Amino acid sequence: MKKVLLLGILSLLSLAQAQPIRADGSSTVYPITQAVAEEFNIIRPDVKVTVAFSGTGGGFKKFCVGETDLQNASRPITKAEMDECRKNGIEYIELPVAFDGLTVVVNPRNTWAQCLTVAELRRIWEPDSKITQWNQVRPNFPNRKLVLYGAGTDSGTFDYFTEAINGKAKAIRKDYFPSEDDNVLVRGVEGNVDAMGFFGYAYYVEEKGKLKALAIDNGKGCVEPTDATINNGTYSPLSRPLFIYVNLKSLNEKRSLQDFINFYLTNSRARTAIRKTGYVLLPDEAYRINKVLVDKRVKGSVFSGLEPGTPLIEVMKKLEAEAK
């Protein structure tokens, strides 16, 4: 009886000692980290992993003052965010965890649009655009009002899309419906035959029967977003890596965070969880290099400032070589 009681007390002490993990940031990356956390909790129910989403920009505001242990990001950290982290003594490790293809979608009842060029997308979304009707995009499109939905200004998706399409992050027309919550954008396009929107590939996959993805022509013909075209980069310029940033102080002080990151990067159940969210897995080599970067505590960012479409694995191999 005493032995059972002692084991019970030790179990409770173990539960009490497991330090909680707090994650925030991108709504695009949220489903990935949440899915991995759920799998992790099956084997480590003693660790509470809280995952929220306030947008990549909103998340970095918390991360760079030390409010969170892990930052989900749908684009690399910016110079201003790096400066804010540095000012507050926040060091971090940058880890790509999946591929995404920003998906331009229309309502499935839209029978006229199948593929748009990057130039056409730019004319639609650029600052001070005068395009308000579909037939202003192409003369053979119907004379119908064009209703636009897109990521909000705190979203990394917003930054990446505007840079890839308009040539400058945050450069966009003002008369569209913005939201950091991709589900709001999905519902907006689903409910309006004249709508167009953009958001992460996984949200399109989840609602595939209710949305139609447009192929994108970047000068080499029309390419649809698929696992294969996103992974090999032919879905250009809207293929992108997705990231997590890990607070180095938290990593060193919280064994629970170390265990979670190891699970995230090495466990087959974590890979399955990422795949089930609808995003595209990185090559195995990328996750192996990530583990090296964590083990060697390689801090800072190498992806910030790189051009959209820069080959991810080449950058990671160079970083690994420098870390040895």
C-alpha atoms as a PDB file:
ATOM      1  CA  MET A   1       0.000   0.000   0.000  1.00  0.00           C
ATOM      2  CA  LYS A   2       2.825   2.380   0.936  1.00  0.00           C
ATOM      3  CA  LYS A   3       4.619   1.528  -2.314  1.00  0.00           C
ATOM      4  CA  VAL A   4       1.531   2.370  -4.396  1.00  0.00           C
ATOM      5  CA  LEU A   5       1.126   5.654  -2.498  1.00  0.00           C
ATOM      6  CA  LEU A   6       4.783   6.529  -3.031  1.00  0.00           C
ATOM      7  CA  LEU A   7       4.507   5.828  -6.764  1.00  0.00           C
ATOM      8  CA  GLY A   8       1.420   8.027  -6.922  1.00  0.00           C
ATOM      9  CA  ILE A   9       3.224  10.897  -5.199  1.00  0.00           C
ATOM     10  CA  LEU A  10       6.226  10.551  -7.517  1.00  0.00           C
ATOM     11  CA  SER A  11       3.888  10.575 -10.518  1.00  0.00           C
ATOM     12  CA  LEU A  12       2.220  13.770  -9.318  1.00  0.00           C
ATOM     13  CA  LEU A  13       5.614  15.386  -8.729  1.00  0.00           C
ATOM     14  CA  SER A  14       6.634  14.446 -12.280  1.00  0.00           C
ATOM     15  CA  LEU A  15       3.494  16.054 -13.663  1.00  0.00           C
ATOM     16  CA  ALA A  16       4.098  19.182 -11.600  1.00  0.00           C
ATOM     17  CA  GLN A  17       7.706  19.470 -12.781  1.00  0.00           C
ATOM     18  CA  ALA A  18       6.935  19.268 -16.506  1.00  0.00           C
ATOM     19  CA  GLN A  19       7.299  22.825 -17.721  1.00  0.00           C
ATOM     20  CA  PRO A  20       4.584  24.105 -20.081  1.00  0.00           C
ATOM     21  CA  ILE A  21       5.390  25.256 -23.614  1.00  0.00           C
ATOM     22  CA  ARG A  22       3.789  28.302 -25.184  1.00  0.00           C
ATOM     23  CA  ALA A  23       3.674  28.747 -28.975  1.00  0.00           C
ATOM     24  CA  ASP A  24       2.087  31.538 -31.027  1.00  0.00           C
ATOM     25  CA  GLY A  25       2.380  33.193 -34.428  1.00  0.00           C
ATOM     26  CA  SER A  26       1.318  32.212 -37.932  1.00  0.00           C
ATOM     27  CA  SER A  27      -2.186  30.898 -38.579  1.00  0.00           C
ATOM     28  CA  THR A  28      -0.689  29.048 -41.557  1.00  0.00           C
ATOM     29  CA  VAL A  29       1.826  27.146 -39.420  1.00  0.00           C
ATOM     30  CA  TYR A  30      -0.605  26.772 -36.494  1.00  0.00           C
ATOM     31  CA  PRO A  31      -2.156  23.481 -37.790  1.00  0.00           C
ATOM     32  CA  ILE A  32       1.319  21.947 -38.112  1.00  0.00           C
ATOM     33  CA  THR A  33       2.551  22.735 -34.618  1.00  0.00           C
ATOM     34  CA  GLN A  34      -0.856  21.922 -33.132  1.00  0.00           C
ATOM     35  CA  ALA A  35      -0.926  18.528 -34.852  1.00  0.00           C
ATOM     36  CA  VAL A  36       2.623  17.731 -33.731  1.00  0.00           C
ATOM     37  CA  ALA A  37       1.752  18.835 -30.174  1.00  0.00           C
ATOM     38  CA  GLU A  38      -1.229  16.473 -30.101  1.00  0.00           C
ATOM     39  CA  GLU A  39       0.975  13.554 -31.157  1.00  0.00           C
ATOM     40  CA  PHE A  40       3.634  14.560 -28.635  1.00  0.00           C
ATOM     41  CA  ASN A  41       1.040  14.630 -25.842  1.00  0.00           C
ATOM     42  CA  ILE A  42       0.193  10.981 -26.517  1.00  0.00           C
ATOM     43  CA  ILE A  43       3.636   9.997 -25.276  1.00  0.00           C
ATOM     44  CA  ARG A  44       4.162  12.993 -22.989  1.00  0.00           C
ATOM     45  CA  PRO A  45       0.771  13.840 -21.440  1.00  0.00           C
ATOM     46  CA  ASP A  46       2.612  15.617 -18.608  1.00  0.00           C
ATOM     47  CA  VAL A  47       3.661  18.497 -20.904  1.00  0.00           C
ATOM     48  CA  LYS A  48       1.106  21.194 -21.655  1.00  0.00           C
ATOM     49  CA  VAL A  49       1.712  22.668 -25.112  1.00  0.00           C
ATOM     50  CA  THR A  50      -0.422  25.738 -25.805  1.00  0.00           C
ATOM     51  CA  VAL A  51      -0.548  26.779 -29.476  1.00  0.00           C
ATOM     52  CA  ALA A  52      -2.238  30.063 -30.459  1.00  0.00           C
ATOM     53  CA  PHE A  53      -2.254  32.159 -33.636  1.00  0.00           C
ATOM     54  CA  SER A  54      -2.027  35.926 -33.821  1.00  0.00           C
ATOM     55  CA  GLY A  55      -0.327  36.093 -37.212  1.00  0.00           C
ATOM     56  CA  THR A  56       3.385  35.918 -37.914  1.00  0.00           C
ATOM     57  CA  GLY A  57       3.937  39.601 -37.177  1.00  0.00           C
ATOM     58  CA  GLY A  58       1.722  39.541 -34.087  1.00  0.00           C
ATOM     59  CA  GLY A  59       3.508  36.437 -32.836  1.00  0.00           C
ATOM     60  CA  PHE A  60       6.963  37.956 -33.253  1.00  0.00           C
ATOM     61  CA  LYS A  61       5.852  40.906 -31.085  1.00  0.00           C
ATOM     62  CA  LYS A  62       5.337  38.406 -28.254  1.00  0.00           C
ATOM     63  CA  PHE A  63       8.317  36.200 -29.089  1.00  0.00           C
ATOM     64  CA  CYS A  64      10.784  39.098 -29.168  1.00  0.00           C
ATOM     65  CA  VAL A  65       9.883  40.171 -25.627  1.00  0.00           C
ATOM     66  CA  GLY A  66      10.140  36.634 -24.273  1.00  0.00           C
ATOM     67  CA  GLU A  67       6.427  35.889 -23.859  1.00  0.00           C
ATOM     68  CA  THR A  68       6.557  32.670 -25.917  1.00  0.00           C
ATOM     69  CA  ASP A  69       8.925  29.726 -26.250  1.00  0.00           C
ATOM     70  CA  LEU A  70       8.198  28.938 -29.885  1.00  0.00           C
ATOM     71  CA  GLN A  71       7.196  31.159 -32.793  1.00  0.00           C
ATOM     72  CA  ASN A  72       5.333  29.811 -35.819  1.00  0.00           C
ATOM     73  CA  ALA A  73       6.180  31.843 -38.922  1.00  0.00           C
ATOM     74  CA  SER A  74       5.049  31.695 -42.528  1.00  0.00           C
ATOM     75  CA  ARG A  75       7.984  33.865 -43.622  1.00  0.00           C
ATOM     76  CA  PRO A  76      11.471  34.561 -42.268  1.00  0.00           C
ATOM     77  CA  ILE A  77      11.992  36.998 -39.423  1.00  0.00           C
ATOM     78  CA  THR A  78      12.422  40.606 -40.592  1.00  0.00           C
ATOM     79  CA  LYS A  79      15.308  42.940 -39.767  1.00  0.00           C
ATOM     80  CA  ALA A  80      13.037  45.039 -37.541  1.00  0.00           C
ATOM     81  CA  GLU A  81      11.981  41.908 -35.644  1.00  0.00           C
ATOM     82  CA  MET A  82      15.601  40.789 -35.326  1.00  0.00           C
ATOM     83  CA  ASP A  83      16.473  44.203 -33.904  1.00  0.00           C
ATOM     84  CA  GLU A  84      13.603  43.970 -31.413  1.00  0.00           C
ATOM     85  CA  CYS A  85      14.699  40.500 -30.283  1.00  0.00           C
ATOM     86  CA  ARG A  86      18.290  41.694 -29.946  1.00  0.00           C
ATOM     87  CA  LYS A  87      17.229  44.722 -27.911  1.00  0.00           C
ATOM     88  CA  ASN A  88      15.440  42.418 -25.464  1.00  0.00           C
ATOM     89  CA  GLY A  89      18.175  39.800 -25.317  1.00  0.00           C
ATOM     90  CA  ILE A  90      16.123  37.139 -27.110  1.00  0.00           C
ATOM     91  CA  GLU A  91      18.231  34.625 -29.033  1.00  0.00           C
ATOM     92  CA  TYR A  92      16.650  31.981 -31.241  1.00  0.00           C
ATOM     93  CA  ILE A  93      17.162  29.066 -33.598  1.00  0.00           C
ATOM     94  CA  GLU A  94      15.471  29.244 -37.030  1.00  0.00           C
ATOM     95  CA  LEU A  95      14.048  25.945 -38.326  1.00  0.00           C
ATOM     96  CA  PRO A  96      12.143  25.351 -41.580  1.00  0.00           C
ATOM     97  CA  VAL A  97       9.571  22.590 -40.968  1.00  0.00           C
ATOM     98  CA  ALA A  98       7.415  22.269 -44.123  1.00  0.00           C
ATOM     99  CA  PHE A  99       6.715  23.637 -47.582  1.00  0.00           C
ATOM    100  CA  ASP A 100       3.640  25.650 -48.505  1.00  0.00           C
ATOM    101  CA  GLY A 101       2.305  26.966 -51.761  1.00  0.00           C
ATOM    102  CA  LEU A 102       0.330  30.172 -51.409  1.00  0.00           C
ATOM    103  CA  THR A 103      -2.851  29.276 -53.229  1.00  0.00           C
ATOM    104  CA  VAL A 104      -4.933  31.724 -55.244  1.00  0.00           C
ATOM    105  CA  VAL A 105      -8.526  30.539 -55.127  1.00  0.00           C
ATOM    106  CA  VAL A 106     -11.902  31.400 -56.610  1.00  0.00           C
ATOM    107  CA  ASN A 107     -15.407  30.138 -56.058  1.00  0.00           C
ATOM    108  CA  PRO A 108     -16.047  26.797 -57.835  1.00  0.00           C
ATOM    109  CA  ARG A 109     -18.963  28.408 -59.716  1.00  0.00           C
ATOM    110  CA  ASN A 110     -16.412  30.668 -61.395  1.00  0.00           C
ATOM    111  CA  THR A 111     -16.232  29.046 -64.852  1.00  0.00           C
ATOM    112  CA  TRP A 112     -14.052  31.636 -66.606  1.00  0.00           C
ATOM    113  CA  ALA A 113     -10.779  31.802 -64.650  1.00  0.00           C
ATOM    114  CA  GLN A 114      -8.464  28.760 -64.782  1.00  0.00           C
ATOM    115  CA  CYS A 115      -4.973  30.265 -64.833  1.00  0.00           C
ATOM    116  CA  LEU A 116      -3.560  33.737 -64.253  1.00  0.00           C
ATOM    117  CA  THR A 117      -0.133  35.121 -65.026  1.00  0.00           C
ATOM    118  CA  VAL A 118       2.004  36.737 -62.341  1.00  0.00           C
ATOM    119  CA  ALA A 119       1.620  40.021 -64.265  1.00  0.00           C
ATOM    120  CA  GLU A 120      -2.177  39.732 -64.094  1.00  0.00           C
ATOM    121  CA  LEU A 121      -2.044  39.019 -60.370  1.00  0.00           C
ATOM    122  CA  ARG A 122       0.181  42.055 -59.924  1.00  0.00           C
ATOM    123  CA  ARG A 123      -2.274  44.291 -61.778  1.00  0.00           C
ATOM    124  CA  ILE A 124      -5.069  43.004 -59.534  1.00  0.00           C
ATOM    125  CA  TRP A 125      -3.274  43.294 -56.191  1.00  0.00           C
ATOM    126  CA  GLU A 126      -0.790  46.150 -56.620  1.00  0.00           C
ATOM    127  CA  PRO A 127      -1.233  49.383 -54.644  1.00  0.00           C
ATOM    128  CA  ASP A 128      -3.769  51.761 -56.236  1.00  0.00           C
ATOM    129  CA  SER A 129      -4.988  49.045 -58.620  1.00  0.00           C
ATOM    130  CA  LYS A 130      -7.953  50.235 -60.694  1.00  0.00           C
ATOM    131  CA  ILE A 131      -9.183  46.720 -61.464  1.00  0.00           C
ATOM    132  CA  THR A 132     -12.631  46.258 -59.954  1.00  0.00           C
ATOM    133  CA  GLN A 133     -14.283  44.006 -62.582  1.00  0.00           C
ATOM    134  CA  TRP A 134     -13.283  40.599 -63.893  1.00  0.00           C
ATOM    135  CA  ASN A 135     -13.294  41.783 -67.525  1.00  0.00           C
ATOM    136  CA  GLN A 136     -10.589  44.311 -66.639  1.00  0.00           C
ATOM    137  CA  VAL A 137      -8.289  41.358 -65.958  1.00  0.00           C
ATOM    138  CA  ARG A 138      -9.018  39.845 -69.390  1.00  0.00           C
ATOM    139  CA  PRO A 139     -11.530  41.119 -71.946  1.00  0.00           C
ATOM    140  CA  ASN A 140     -13.086  37.655 -72.357  1.00  0.00           C
ATOM    141  CA  PHE A 141     -13.874  37.425 -68.644  1.00  0.00           C
ATOM    142  CA  PRO A 142     -17.432  38.506 -67.696  1.00  0.00           C
ATOM    143  CA  ASN A 143     -18.361  42.021 -66.651  1.00  0.00           C
ATOM    144  CA  ARG A 144     -18.765  41.066 -62.993  1.00  0.00           C
ATOM    145  CA  LYS A 145     -17.540  42.733 -59.821  1.00  0.00           C
ATOM    146  CA  LEU A 146     -14.226  41.375 -58.508  1.00  0.00           C
ATOM    147  CA  VAL A 147     -14.381  40.804 -54.738  1.00  0.00           C
ATOM    148  CA  LEU A 148     -11.019  40.248 -53.033  1.00  0.00           C
ATOM    149  CA  TYR A 149     -10.093  38.408 -49.837  1.00  0.00           C
ATOM    150  CA  GLY A 150      -6.556  38.108 -48.513  1.00  0.00           C
ATOM    151  CA  ALA A 151      -4.262  37.842 -45.536  1.00  0.00           C
ATOM    152  CA  GLY A 152      -4.175  40.627 -42.954  1.00  0.00           C
ATOM    153  CA  THR A 153      -1.136  42.835 -42.392  1.00  0.00           C
ATOM    154  CA  ASP A 154       0.095  40.864 -39.350  1.00  0.00           C
ATOM    155  CA  SER A 155       0.267  37.681 -41.423  1.00  0.00           C
ATOM    156  CA  GLY A 156       3.480  36.278 -42.867  1.00  0.00           C
ATOM    157  CA  THR A 157       1.352  35.106 -45.785  1.00  0.00           C
ATOM    158  CA  PHE A 158       0.583  38.773 -46.478  1.00  0.00           C
ATOM    159  CA  ASP A 159       4.282  39.663 -46.471  1.00  0.00           C
ATOM    160  CA  TYR A 160       5.294  36.760 -48.695  1.00  0.00           C
ATOM    161  CA  PHE A 161       2.473  37.205 -51.224  1.00  0.00           C
ATOM    162  CA  THR A 162       3.023  40.947 -51.603  1.00  0.00           C
ATOM    163  CA  GLU A 163       6.784  40.518 -52.030  1.00  0.00           C
ATOM    164  CA  ALA A 164       6.473  37.614 -54.492  1.00  0.00           C
ATOM    165  CA  ILE A 165       3.710  39.212 -56.597  1.00  0.00           C
ATOM    166  CA  ASN A 166       4.105  42.976 -56.128  1.00  0.00           C
ATOM    167  CA  GLY A 167       7.860  43.042 -55.583  1.00  0.00           C
ATOM    168  CA  LYS A 168       7.715  44.623 -52.138  1.00  0.00           C
ATOM    169  CA  ALA A 169       6.488  43.270 -48.809  1.00  0.00           C
ATOM    170  CA  LYS A 170       3.282  44.939 -47.568  1.00  0.00           C
ATOM    171  CA  ALA A 171       2.658  46.710 -50.902  1.00  0.00           C
ATOM    172  CA  ILE A 172      -1.014  46.040 -51.720  1.00  0.00           C
ATOM    173  CA  ARG A 173      -4.295  47.702 -52.643  1.00  0.00           C
ATOM    174  CA  LYS A 174      -6.445  48.804 -49.707  1.00  0.00           C
ATOM    175  CA  ASP A 175      -9.924  47.788 -50.913  1.00  0.00           C
ATOM    176  CA  TYR A 176      -9.925  44.087 -50.066  1.00  0.00           C
ATOM    177  CA  PHE A 177     -11.232  42.045 -47.143  1.00  0.00           C
ATOM    178  CA  PRO A 178      -8.254  41.151 -44.883  1.00  0.00           C
ATOM    179  CA  SER A 179      -8.007  38.611 -42.070  1.00  0.00           C
ATOM    180  CA  GLU A 180      -5.255  36.837 -40.128  1.00  0.00           C
ATOM    181  CA  ASP A 181      -7.677  33.893 -39.771  1.00  0.00           C
ATOM    182  CA  ASP A 182      -7.532  31.802 -42.948  1.00  0.00           C
ATOM    183  CA  ASN A 183     -10.891  30.215 -42.137  1.00  0.00           C
ATOM    184  CA  VAL A 184     -12.535  33.627 -42.524  1.00  0.00           C
ATOM    185  CA  LEU A 185     -10.987  33.963 -45.989  1.00  0.00           C
ATOM    186  CA  VAL A 186     -12.124  30.464 -46.962  1.00  0.00           C
ATOM    187  CA  ARG A 187     -15.704  31.246 -45.987  1.00  0.00           C
ATOM    188  CA  GLY A 188     -15.599  34.564 -47.861  1.00  0.00           C
ATOM    189  CA  VAL A 189     -14.579  32.958 -51.163  1.00  0.00           C
ATOM    190  CA  GLU A 190     -16.921  29.985 -50.668  1.00  0.00           C
ATOM    191  CA  GLY A 191     -19.846  32.369 -50.306  1.00  0.00           C
ATOM    192  CA  ASN A 192     -19.303  34.624 -53.336  1.00  0.00           C
ATOM    193  CA  VAL A 193     -19.114  33.521 -56.972  1.00  0.00           C
ATOM    194  CA  ASP A 194     -17.192  36.706 -57.868  1.00  0.00           C
ATOM    195  CA  ALA A 195     -14.543  36.338 -55.149  1.00  0.00           C
ATOM    196  CA  MET A 196     -10.820  35.717 -55.313  1.00  0.00           C
ATOM    197  CA  GLY A 197      -8.565  35.095 -52.340  1.00  0.00           C
ATOM    198  CA  PHE A 198      -5.172  33.774 -51.299  1.00  0.00           C
ATOM    199  CA  PHE A 199      -3.989  31.712 -48.333  1.00  0.00           C
ATOM    200  CA  GLY A 200      -1.946  28.629 -47.429  1.00  0.00           C
ATOM    201  CA  TYR A 201      -2.148  25.400 -49.422  1.00  0.00           C
ATOM    202  CA  ALA A 202      -3.403  23.322 -46.464  1.00  0.00           C
ATOM    203  CA  TYR A 203      -6.524  25.430 -46.079  1.00  0.00           C
ATOM    204  CA  TYR A 204      -7.271  24.908 -49.765  1.00  0.00           C
ATOM    205  CA  VAL A 205      -6.754  21.132 -49.442  1.00  0.00           C
ATOM    206  CA  GLU A 206      -9.082  21.035 -46.449  1.00  0.00           C
ATOM    207  CA  GLU A 207     -11.846  22.808 -48.378  1.00  0.00           C
ATOM    208  CA  LYS A 208     -11.023  21.458 -51.831  1.00  0.00           C
ATOM    209  CA  GLY A 209     -14.627  20.687 -52.765  1.00  0.00           C
ATOM    210  CA  LYS A 210     -15.721  24.231 -51.934  1.00  0.00           C
ATOM    211  CA  LEU A 211     -12.918  26.152 -53.651  1.00  0.00           C
ATOM    212  CA  LYS A 212     -11.117  26.172 -56.990  1.00  0.00           C
ATOM    213  CA  ALA A 213      -7.372  26.775 -57.122  1.00  0.00           C
ATOM    214  CA  LEU A 214      -6.010  28.801 -60.022  1.00  0.00           C
ATOM    215  CA  ALA A 215      -2.887  27.716 -61.855  1.00  0.00           C
ATOM    216  CA  ILE A 216      -0.111  30.335 -61.988  1.00  0.00           C
ATOM    217  CA  ASP A 217       1.937  31.189 -65.077  1.00  0.00           C
ATOM    218  CA  ASN A 218       5.326  32.659 -64.168  1.00  0.00           C
ATOM    219  CA  GLY A 219       6.522  32.631 -67.766  1.00  0.00           C
ATOM    220  CA  LYS A 220       6.860  28.858 -68.167  1.00  0.00           C
ATOM    221  CA  GLY A 221       3.223  27.894 -68.553  1.00  0.00           C
ATOM    222  CA  CYS A 222       0.356  27.318 -66.141  1.00  0.00           C
ATOM    223  CA  VAL A 223       1.288  25.340 -63.003  1.00  0.00           C
ATOM    224  CA  GLU A 224      -1.231  24.215 -60.390  1.00  0.00           C
ATOM    225  CA  PRO A 225      -0.341  23.978 -56.694  1.00  0.00           C
ATOM    226  CA  THR A 226       0.254  20.317 -55.791  1.00  0.00           C
ATOM    227  CA  ASP A 227       2.556  18.492 -53.379  1.00  0.00           C
ATOM    228  CA  ALA A 228       4.946  17.800 -56.258  1.00  0.00           C
ATOM    229  CA  THR A 229       5.020  21.301 -57.804  1.00  0.00           C
ATOM    230  CA  ILE A 230       5.411  22.960 -54.400  1.00  0.00           C
ATOM    231  CA  ASN A 231       8.254  20.632 -53.385  1.00  0.00           C
ATOM    232  CA  ASN A 232      10.194  20.924 -56.632  1.00  0.00           C
ATOM    233  CA  GLY A 233       9.689  24.696 -56.901  1.00  0.00           C
ATOM    234  CA  THR A 234       7.907  24.710 -60.262  1.00  0.00           C
ATOM    235  CA  TYR A 235       4.906  26.332 -58.582  1.00  0.00           C
ATOM    236  CA  SER A 236       6.656  29.670 -58.715  1.00  0.00           C
ATOM    237  CA  PRO A 237       6.903  32.252 -57.226  1.00  0.00           C
ATOM    238  CA  LEU A 238       4.405  31.196 -54.534  1.00  0.00           C
ATOM    239  CA  SER A 239       6.170  28.130 -53.087  1.00  0.00           C
ATOM    240  CA  ARG A 240       7.719  28.904 -49.708  1.00  0.00           C
ATOM    241  CA  PRO A 241       9.180  27.250 -46.614  1.00  0.00           C
ATOM    242  CA  LEU A 242       7.364  27.497 -43.277  1.00  0.00           C
ATOM    243  CA  PHE A 243       9.305  28.018 -40.054  1.00  0.00           C
ATOM    244  CA  ILE A 244       9.404  27.673 -36.326  1.00  0.00           C
ATOM    245  CA  TYR A 245      11.713  29.851 -34.216  1.00  0.00           C
ATOM    246  CA  VAL A 246      12.809  28.469 -30.852  1.00  0.00           C
ATOM    247  CA  ASN A 247      13.720  30.710 -27.922  1.00  0.00           C
ATOM    248  CA  LEU A 248      17.269  29.635 -27.017  1.00  0.00           C
ATOM    249  CA  LYS A 249      16.936  30.474 -23.310  1.00  0.00           C
ATOM    250  CA  SER A 250      13.728  28.420 -23.083  1.00  0.00           C
ATOM    251  CA  LEU A 251      15.394  25.560 -24.947  1.00  0.00           C
ATOM    252  CA  ASN A 252      18.294  25.507 -22.499  1.00  0.00           C
ATOM    253  CA  GLU A 253      16.107  25.814 -19.405  1.00  0.00           C
ATOM    254  CA  LYS A 254      13.082  23.680 -20.301  1.00  0.00           C
ATOM    255  CA  ARG A 255      13.711  19.988 -20.805  1.00  0.00           C
ATOM    256  CA  SER A 256      10.108  19.721 -22.003  1.00  0.00           C
ATOM    257  CA  LEU A 257      10.828  22.116 -24.873  1.00  0.00           C
ATOM    258  CA  GLN A 258      13.981  20.200 -25.827  1.00  0.00           C
ATOM    259  CA  ASP A 259      11.961  16.979 -25.895  1.00  0.00           C
ATOM    260  CA  PHE A 260       9.212  18.590 -27.969  1.00  0.00           C
ATOM    261  CA  ILE A 261      11.632  19.984 -30.571  1.00  0.00           C
ATOM    262  CA  ASN A 262      13.416  16.626 -30.834  1.00  0.00           C
ATOM    263  CA  PHE A 263      10.042  14.960 -31.385  1.00  0.00           C
ATOM    264  CA  TYR A 264       9.064  17.628 -33.952  1.00  0.00           C
ATOM    265  CA  LEU A 265      12.214  17.032 -36.007  1.00  0.00           C
ATOM    266  CA  THR A 266      12.901  13.294 -35.670  1.00  0.00           C
ATOM    267  CA  ASN A 267       9.757  11.335 -34.829  1.00  0.00           C
ATOM    268  CA  SER A 268       7.867   9.564 -37.624  1.00  0.00           C
ATOM    269  CA  ARG A 269       4.569  10.407 -35.910  1.00  0.00           C
ATOM    270  CA  ALA A 270       5.459  14.080 -36.205  1.00  0.00           C
ATOM    271  CA  ARG A 271       6.124  13.647 -39.953  1.00  0.00           C
ATOM    272  CA  THR A 272       2.769  11.922 -40.353  1.00  0.00           C
ATOM    273  CA  ALA A 273       1.063  14.750 -38.453  1.00  0.00           C
ATOM    274  CA  ILE A 274       2.639  17.375 -40.732  1.00  0.00           C
ATOM    275  CA  ARG A 275       1.579  15.443 -43.840  1.00  0.00           C
ATOM    276  CA  LYS A 276      -2.002  15.114 -42.574  1.00  0.00           C
ATOM    277  CA  THR A 277      -2.343  18.894 -42.209  1.00  0.00           C
ATOM    278  CA  GLY A 278      -2.083  19.178 -45.995  1.00  0.00           C
ATOM    279  CA  TYR A 279       1.318  20.820 -46.123  1.00  0.00           C
ATOM    280  CA  VAL A 280       4.306  19.347 -47.931  1.00  0.00           C
ATOM    281  CA  LEU A 281       7.092  17.613 -46.003  1.00  0.00           C
ATOM    282  CA  LEU A 282      10.663  18.809 -46.458  1.00  0.00           C
ATOM    283  CA  PRO A 283      13.261  16.312 -47.707  1.00  0.00           C
ATOM    284  CA  ASP A 284      14.530  14.020 -44.915  1.00  0.00           C
ATOM    285  CA  GLU A 285      17.901  15.734 -45.204  1.00  0.00           C
ATOM    286  CA  ALA A 286      16.368  19.036 -44.087  1.00  0.00           C
ATOM    287  CA  TYR A 287      14.990  17.593 -40.838  1.00  0.00           C
ATOM    288  CA  ARG A 288      18.345  15.913 -40.153  1.00  0.00           C
ATOM    289  CA  ILE A 289      20.152  19.231 -40.603  1.00  0.00           C
ATOM    290  CA  ASN A 290      17.592  20.942 -38.368  1.00  0.00           C
ATOM    291  CA  LYS A 291      18.469  18.501 -35.583  1.00  0.00           C
ATOM    292  CA  VAL A 292      22.165  19.344 -36.025  1.00  0.00           C
ATOM    293  CA  LEU A 293      21.364  23.065 -35.795  1.00  0.00           C
ATOM    294  CA  VAL A 294      19.448  22.491 -32.560  1.00  0.00           C
ATOM    295  CA  ASP A 295      22.123  20.252 -31.036  1.00  0.00           C
ATOM    296  CA  LYS A 296      24.848  22.773 -31.884  1.00  0.00           C
ATOM    297  CA  ARG A 297      22.648  25.709 -30.839  1.00  0.00           C
ATOM    298  CA  VAL A 298      23.136  27.547 -34.155  1.00  0.00           C
ATOM    299  CA  LYS A 299      21.321  30.809 -33.518  1.00  0.00           C
ATOM    300  CA  GLY A 300      20.112  33.622 -35.760  1.00  0.00           C
ATOM    301  CA  SER A 301      18.556  33.695 -39.233  1.00  0.00           C
ATOM    302  CA  VAL A 302      19.938  32.772 -42.643  1.00  0.00           C
ATOM    303  CA  PHE A 303      16.635  32.960 -44.510  1.00  0.00           C
ATOM    304  CA  SER A 304      15.819  36.583 -43.685  1.00  0.00           C
ATOM    305  CA  GLY A 305      16.342  38.717 -46.768  1.00  0.00           C
ATOM    306  CA  LEU A 306      16.694  35.824 -49.223  1.00  0.00           C
ATOM    307  CA  GLU A 307      14.790  36.085 -52.486  1.00  0.00           C
ATOM    308  CA  PRO A 308      11.523  34.085 -52.726  1.00  0.00           C
ATOM    309  CA  GLY A 309      12.247  30.738 -54.365  1.00  0.00           C
ATOM    310  CA  THR A 310      15.822  30.374 -53.062  1.00  0.00           C
ATOM    311  CA  PRO A 311      16.562  26.595 -52.877  1.00  0.00           C
ATOM    312  CA  LEU A 312      16.045  25.665 -49.224  1.00  0.00           C
ATOM    313  CA  ILE A 313      18.191  22.564 -49.006  1.00  0.00           C
ATOM    314  CA  GLU A 314      21.241  24.315 -50.486  1.00  0.00           C
ATOM    315  CA  VAL A 315      21.014  27.040 -47.836  1.00  0.00           C
ATOM    316  CA  MET A 316      20.655  24.444 -45.072  1.00  0.00           C
ATOM    317  CA  LYS A 317      23.639  22.372 -46.238  1.00  0.00           C
ATOM    318  CA  LYS A 318      25.813  25.479 -46.273  1.00  0.00           C
ATOM    319  CA  LEU A 319      24.654  26.350 -42.769  1.00  0.00           C
ATOM    320  CA  GLU A 320      25.413  22.831 -41.532  1.00  0.00           C
ATOM    321  CA  ALA A 321      28.909  22.987 -43.012  1.00  0.00           C
ATOM    322  CA  GLU A 322      29.575  26.296 -41.269  1.00  0.00           C
ATOM    323  CA  ALA A 323      28.327  24.836 -37.964  1.00  0.00           C
ATOM    324  CA  LYS A 324      30.909  22.015 -37.927  1.00  0.00           C
END
